[in-house]
Amino acid sequence: MGKLYLIRHGESIGNVWEEAYRNDACNFLSPYGVQQAQLCGAYLKRRGITFDHVISSNLTRARQTTSHILHEMEDWQRAWGIVPEFNELVGSTRVTECLEAFKAMLLSWNGTGNLMCVTHYHVMEQFFKALDVDLSTLYGNGKIIYNAVPYRWDPADPKKIEMLDLFSPRYNIHQKE
């Protein structure tokens, strides 16, 4: 059975300069956000994690993150799905349609193969609520969702979500096993 990997986009210009949120074309990944996405992809590759299904929000920062992750995994030619309902939800009434799209995604995936979904902070909050996972085991009790860090959910253990810490010695991509 596969696992779901939820990933918030890398740091964007909007994360450091709020005015960039006014226009998606101005809210691309910062240089640090590119590094975060590359590190995430390198980590996934080193751990031998592959994806049968990949989807992203259609906002620039999520698409760029997806592209950098796949490039680091040497899977850059892969096509992936775009789900506009997974765009950022700040101040939005689109929560219902976002959750309906999330449920539809889970049904069509049905746990077959690994699925990577790159999206946004508030969308991931809604996904965590919909999955009804116990966030108390996550760093910051799930109140902090880090940029370009995979959160792994296993349908075989549905109450648990695991944050894969790319910077911990346990997961360090430069450390030999």
C-alpha atoms as a PDB file:
ATOM      1  CA  MET A   1       0.000   0.000   0.000  1.00  0.00           C
ATOM      2  CA  GLY A   2       1.243   3.475  -0.872  1.00  0.00           C
ATOM      3  CA  LYS A   3       1.643   6.576   1.229  1.00  0.00           C
ATOM      4  CA  LEU A   4       0.521  10.170   0.814  1.00  0.00           C
ATOM      5  CA  TYR A   5       3.253  12.820   0.960  1.00  0.00           C
ATOM      6  CA  LEU A   6       1.911  16.318   1.601  1.00  0.00           C
ATOM      7  CA  ILE A   7       4.426  19.084   0.946  1.00  0.00           C
ATOM      8  CA  ARG A   8       4.048  22.810   1.435  1.00  0.00           C
ATOM      9  CA  HIS A   9       5.771  24.820  -1.314  1.00  0.00           C
ATOM     10  CA  GLY A  10       9.250  26.207  -0.693  1.00  0.00           C
ATOM     11  CA  GLU A  11       9.714  29.695   0.687  1.00  0.00           C
ATOM     12  CA  SER A  12       8.216  32.185  -1.754  1.00  0.00           C
ATOM     13  CA  ILE A  13       8.778  35.880  -2.259  1.00  0.00           C
ATOM     14  CA  GLY A  14       5.369  36.332  -0.580  1.00  0.00           C
ATOM     15  CA  ASN A  15       6.687  34.641   2.555  1.00  0.00           C
ATOM     16  CA  VAL A  16       9.249  37.421   2.933  1.00  0.00           C
ATOM     17  CA  TRP A  17       7.460  40.335   1.194  1.00  0.00           C
ATOM     18  CA  GLU A  18       3.701  40.291   1.695  1.00  0.00           C
ATOM     19  CA  GLU A  19       2.985  42.533  -1.329  1.00  0.00           C
ATOM     20  CA  ALA A  20       3.926  39.648  -3.621  1.00  0.00           C
ATOM     21  CA  TYR A  21       0.704  37.840  -2.625  1.00  0.00           C
ATOM     22  CA  ARG A  22      -1.240  40.336  -4.746  1.00  0.00           C
ATOM     23  CA  ASN A  23      -0.130  38.685  -7.971  1.00  0.00           C
ATOM     24  CA  ASP A  24       0.826  35.047  -8.537  1.00  0.00           C
ATOM     25  CA  ALA A  25       3.367  36.054 -11.209  1.00  0.00           C
ATOM     26  CA  CYS A  26       5.280  38.001  -8.510  1.00  0.00           C
ATOM     27  CA  ASN A  27       5.062  35.256  -5.916  1.00  0.00           C
ATOM     28  CA  PHE A  28       7.630  32.761  -7.130  1.00  0.00           C
ATOM     29  CA  LEU A  29      10.155  30.824  -5.046  1.00  0.00           C
ATOM     30  CA  SER A  30      12.862  32.810  -3.320  1.00  0.00           C
ATOM     31  CA  PRO A  31      16.451  31.544  -3.798  1.00  0.00           C
ATOM     32  CA  TYR A  32      16.124  29.901  -0.372  1.00  0.00           C
ATOM     33  CA  GLY A  33      12.820  28.315  -1.461  1.00  0.00           C
ATOM     34  CA  VAL A  34      14.563  26.794  -4.471  1.00  0.00           C
ATOM     35  CA  GLN A  35      17.212  25.328  -2.148  1.00  0.00           C
ATOM     36  CA  GLN A  36      14.497  23.948   0.141  1.00  0.00           C
ATOM     37  CA  ALA A  37      12.764  22.218  -2.770  1.00  0.00           C
ATOM     38  CA  GLN A  38      16.066  20.830  -4.045  1.00  0.00           C
ATOM     39  CA  LEU A  39      16.947  19.511  -0.587  1.00  0.00           C
ATOM     40  CA  CYS A  40      13.526  17.877  -0.322  1.00  0.00           C
ATOM     41  CA  GLY A  41      13.987  16.171  -3.708  1.00  0.00           C
ATOM     42  CA  ALA A  42      17.506  15.025  -2.822  1.00  0.00           C
ATOM     43  CA  TYR A  43      16.233  13.624   0.483  1.00  0.00           C
ATOM     44  CA  LEU A  44      13.411  11.701  -1.221  1.00  0.00           C
ATOM     45  CA  LYS A  45      15.810  10.317  -3.834  1.00  0.00           C
ATOM     46  CA  ARG A  46      18.374   9.257  -1.228  1.00  0.00           C
ATOM     47  CA  ARG A  47      15.670   7.444   0.736  1.00  0.00           C
ATOM     48  CA  GLY A  48      14.506   5.653  -2.412  1.00  0.00           C
ATOM     49  CA  ILE A  49      11.029   7.178  -2.230  1.00  0.00           C
ATOM     50  CA  THR A  50       9.344   7.317  -5.629  1.00  0.00           C
ATOM     51  CA  PHE A  51       5.938   8.536  -6.704  1.00  0.00           C
ATOM     52  CA  ASP A  52       3.315   6.896  -8.836  1.00  0.00           C
ATOM     53  CA  HIS A  53       1.128  10.006  -8.721  1.00  0.00           C
ATOM     54  CA  VAL A  54       2.102  13.690  -8.401  1.00  0.00           C
ATOM     55  CA  ILE A  55      -0.225  16.668  -8.106  1.00  0.00           C
ATOM     56  CA  SER A  56       0.208  20.339  -7.339  1.00  0.00           C
ATOM     57  CA  SER A  57      -1.783  23.491  -6.844  1.00  0.00           C
ATOM     58  CA  ASN A  58      -1.628  25.659  -9.954  1.00  0.00           C
ATOM     59  CA  LEU A  59       0.067  28.611  -8.219  1.00  0.00           C
ATOM     60  CA  THR A  60       3.601  29.376  -9.375  1.00  0.00           C
ATOM     61  CA  ARG A  61       5.353  28.646  -6.068  1.00  0.00           C
ATOM     62  CA  ALA A  62       3.777  25.158  -5.796  1.00  0.00           C
ATOM     63  CA  ARG A  63       4.514  24.285  -9.430  1.00  0.00           C
ATOM     64  CA  GLN A  64       8.124  25.464  -9.065  1.00  0.00           C
ATOM     65  CA  THR A  65       8.534  23.412  -5.882  1.00  0.00           C
ATOM     66  CA  THR A  66       7.151  20.316  -7.611  1.00  0.00           C
ATOM     67  CA  SER A  67       9.472  20.845 -10.572  1.00  0.00           C
ATOM     68  CA  HIS A  68      12.584  21.257  -8.382  1.00  0.00           C
ATOM     69  CA  ILE A  69      11.716  18.203  -6.277  1.00  0.00           C
ATOM     70  CA  LEU A  70      11.207  16.028  -9.358  1.00  0.00           C
ATOM     71  CA  HIS A  71      14.379  17.369 -10.967  1.00  0.00           C
ATOM     72  CA  GLU A  72      16.436  16.418  -7.903  1.00  0.00           C
ATOM     73  CA  MET A  73      14.812  12.983  -7.971  1.00  0.00           C
ATOM     74  CA  GLU A  74      15.884  12.675 -11.641  1.00  0.00           C
ATOM     75  CA  ASP A  75      12.216  12.369 -12.587  1.00  0.00           C
ATOM     76  CA  TRP A  76      12.002  15.753 -14.353  1.00  0.00           C
ATOM     77  CA  GLN A  77      10.171  14.444 -17.421  1.00  0.00           C
ATOM     78  CA  ARG A  78       7.214  13.250 -15.356  1.00  0.00           C
ATOM     79  CA  ALA A  79       3.863  14.842 -16.059  1.00  0.00           C
ATOM     80  CA  TRP A  80       1.821  15.766 -13.015  1.00  0.00           C
ATOM     81  CA  GLY A  81      -1.706  16.871 -12.305  1.00  0.00           C
ATOM     82  CA  ILE A  82      -2.732  20.407 -11.432  1.00  0.00           C
ATOM     83  CA  VAL A  83      -5.595  20.895  -8.959  1.00  0.00           C
ATOM     84  CA  PRO A  84      -6.693  24.555  -8.727  1.00  0.00           C
ATOM     85  CA  GLU A  85      -8.867  23.712  -5.699  1.00  0.00           C
ATOM     86  CA  PHE A  86      -5.593  23.174  -3.795  1.00  0.00           C
ATOM     87  CA  ASN A  87      -4.574  26.840  -4.235  1.00  0.00           C
ATOM     88  CA  GLU A  88      -4.058  28.891  -1.069  1.00  0.00           C
ATOM     89  CA  LEU A  89      -7.174  29.413   1.081  1.00  0.00           C
ATOM     90  CA  VAL A  90      -6.367  32.598   3.060  1.00  0.00           C
ATOM     91  CA  GLY A  91      -9.563  34.601   3.537  1.00  0.00           C
ATOM     92  CA  SER A  92     -11.381  32.263   1.199  1.00  0.00           C
ATOM     93  CA  THR A  93     -14.741  30.570   1.247  1.00  0.00           C
ATOM     94  CA  ARG A  94     -13.376  27.803  -0.991  1.00  0.00           C
ATOM     95  CA  VAL A  95     -12.694  25.414   1.896  1.00  0.00           C
ATOM     96  CA  THR A  96     -15.622  23.167   0.975  1.00  0.00           C
ATOM     97  CA  GLU A  97     -14.568  22.758  -2.648  1.00  0.00           C
ATOM     98  CA  CYS A  98     -10.955  22.218  -1.544  1.00  0.00           C
ATOM     99  CA  LEU A  99     -12.008  19.412   0.791  1.00  0.00           C
ATOM    100  CA  GLU A 100     -14.277  17.876  -1.847  1.00  0.00           C
ATOM    101  CA  ALA A 101     -11.326  17.818  -4.265  1.00  0.00           C
ATOM    102  CA  PHE A 102      -9.139  16.308  -1.524  1.00  0.00           C
ATOM    103  CA  LYS A 103     -11.675  13.528  -0.856  1.00  0.00           C
ATOM    104  CA  ALA A 104     -11.973  12.877  -4.600  1.00  0.00           C
ATOM    105  CA  MET A 105      -8.165  12.690  -4.836  1.00  0.00           C
ATOM    106  CA  LEU A 106      -8.030  10.157  -1.983  1.00  0.00           C
ATOM    107  CA  LEU A 107     -10.766   8.049  -3.577  1.00  0.00           C
ATOM    108  CA  SER A 108      -9.100   7.979  -6.991  1.00  0.00           C
ATOM    109  CA  TRP A 109      -5.686   7.282  -5.442  1.00  0.00           C
ATOM    110  CA  ASN A 110      -7.088   4.532  -3.185  1.00  0.00           C
ATOM    111  CA  GLY A 111      -3.671   3.934  -1.594  1.00  0.00           C
ATOM    112  CA  THR A 112      -2.152   2.481  -4.762  1.00  0.00           C
ATOM    113  CA  GLY A 113       1.443   3.674  -5.069  1.00  0.00           C
ATOM    114  CA  ASN A 114       2.908   6.762  -3.431  1.00  0.00           C
ATOM    115  CA  LEU A 115       1.218  10.114  -4.015  1.00  0.00           C
ATOM    116  CA  MET A 116       2.956  13.496  -3.683  1.00  0.00           C
ATOM    117  CA  CYS A 117       0.774  16.584  -3.302  1.00  0.00           C
ATOM    118  CA  VAL A 118       2.445  20.021  -3.242  1.00  0.00           C
ATOM    119  CA  THR A 119       0.207  22.742  -1.906  1.00  0.00           C
ATOM    120  CA  HIS A 120      -0.041  25.555   0.671  1.00  0.00           C
ATOM    121  CA  TYR A 121      -0.085  26.118   4.431  1.00  0.00           C
ATOM    122  CA  HIS A 122      -3.829  26.625   4.964  1.00  0.00           C
ATOM    123  CA  VAL A 123      -4.714  23.868   2.517  1.00  0.00           C
ATOM    124  CA  MET A 124      -2.515  21.434   4.456  1.00  0.00           C
ATOM    125  CA  GLU A 125      -4.229  22.503   7.692  1.00  0.00           C
ATOM    126  CA  GLN A 126      -7.541  21.507   6.109  1.00  0.00           C
ATOM    127  CA  PHE A 127      -6.087  18.209   4.874  1.00  0.00           C
ATOM    128  CA  PHE A 128      -4.797  17.366   8.370  1.00  0.00           C
ATOM    129  CA  LYS A 129      -8.277  18.083   9.792  1.00  0.00           C
ATOM    130  CA  ALA A 130      -9.962  15.999   7.090  1.00  0.00           C
ATOM    131  CA  LEU A 131      -7.617  13.078   7.774  1.00  0.00           C
ATOM    132  CA  ASP A 132      -8.381  13.439  11.501  1.00  0.00           C
ATOM    133  CA  VAL A 133      -4.760  12.753  12.396  1.00  0.00           C
ATOM    134  CA  ASP A 134      -3.209  13.250  15.810  1.00  0.00           C
ATOM    135  CA  LEU A 135      -1.009  16.307  15.359  1.00  0.00           C
ATOM    136  CA  SER A 136       0.362  16.188  18.904  1.00  0.00           C
ATOM    137  CA  THR A 137       3.291  14.047  17.768  1.00  0.00           C
ATOM    138  CA  LEU A 138       4.465  16.629  15.255  1.00  0.00           C
ATOM    139  CA  TYR A 139       6.941  19.357  16.095  1.00  0.00           C
ATOM    140  CA  GLY A 140       5.003  22.381  17.301  1.00  0.00           C
ATOM    141  CA  ASN A 141       1.930  20.152  17.692  1.00  0.00           C
ATOM    142  CA  GLY A 142       1.200  20.602  13.996  1.00  0.00           C
ATOM    143  CA  LYS A 143       0.781  24.362  14.391  1.00  0.00           C
ATOM    144  CA  ILE A 144       3.796  24.930  12.198  1.00  0.00           C
ATOM    145  CA  ILE A 145       3.856  23.515   8.685  1.00  0.00           C
ATOM    146  CA  TYR A 146       7.337  23.882   7.273  1.00  0.00           C
ATOM    147  CA  ASN A 147       8.202  24.819   3.711  1.00  0.00           C
ATOM    148  CA  ALA A 148       9.327  21.954   1.446  1.00  0.00           C
ATOM    149  CA  VAL A 149       9.229  19.329   4.196  1.00  0.00           C
ATOM    150  CA  PRO A 150       7.322  16.114   3.444  1.00  0.00           C
ATOM    151  CA  TYR A 151       4.525  15.068   5.785  1.00  0.00           C
ATOM    152  CA  ARG A 152       3.847  11.360   5.299  1.00  0.00           C
ATOM    153  CA  TRP A 153       0.434   9.788   5.885  1.00  0.00           C
ATOM    154  CA  ASP A 154      -0.019   6.037   5.734  1.00  0.00           C
ATOM    155  CA  PRO A 155      -3.584   4.721   5.200  1.00  0.00           C
ATOM    156  CA  ALA A 156      -2.566   1.647   7.224  1.00  0.00           C
ATOM    157  CA  ASP A 157      -2.051   3.922  10.270  1.00  0.00           C
ATOM    158  CA  PRO A 158      -4.605   6.671   9.538  1.00  0.00           C
ATOM    159  CA  LYS A 159      -4.431   8.570  12.852  1.00  0.00           C
ATOM    160  CA  LYS A 160      -0.746   9.336  12.447  1.00  0.00           C
ATOM    161  CA  ILE A 161       1.092  11.787  10.230  1.00  0.00           C
ATOM    162  CA  GLU A 162       4.860  11.909  10.242  1.00  0.00           C
ATOM    163  CA  MET A 163       6.953  14.964   9.482  1.00  0.00           C
ATOM    164  CA  LEU A 164      10.141  13.875   7.737  1.00  0.00           C
ATOM    165  CA  ASP A 165      12.824  16.114   9.191  1.00  0.00           C
ATOM    166  CA  LEU A 166      15.330  16.766   6.440  1.00  0.00           C
ATOM    167  CA  PHE A 167      17.725  18.476   8.859  1.00  0.00           C
ATOM    168  CA  SER A 168      17.816  15.851  11.588  1.00  0.00           C
ATOM    169  CA  PRO A 169      20.913  13.611  11.649  1.00  0.00           C
ATOM    170  CA  ARG A 170      18.480  10.696  11.315  1.00  0.00           C
ATOM    171  CA  TYR A 171      17.421  11.896   7.856  1.00  0.00           C
ATOM    172  CA  ASN A 172      20.481  13.881   6.782  1.00  0.00           C
ATOM    173  CA  ILE A 173      20.894  13.409   3.050  1.00  0.00           C
ATOM    174  CA  HIS A 174      24.682  13.737   3.321  1.00  0.00           C
ATOM    175  CA  GLN A 175      25.078  11.057   5.989  1.00  0.00           C
ATOM    176  CA  LYS A 176      26.048   7.578   4.827  1.00  0.00           C
ATOM    177  CA  GLU A 177      23.876   4.756   6.135  1.00  0.00           C
END
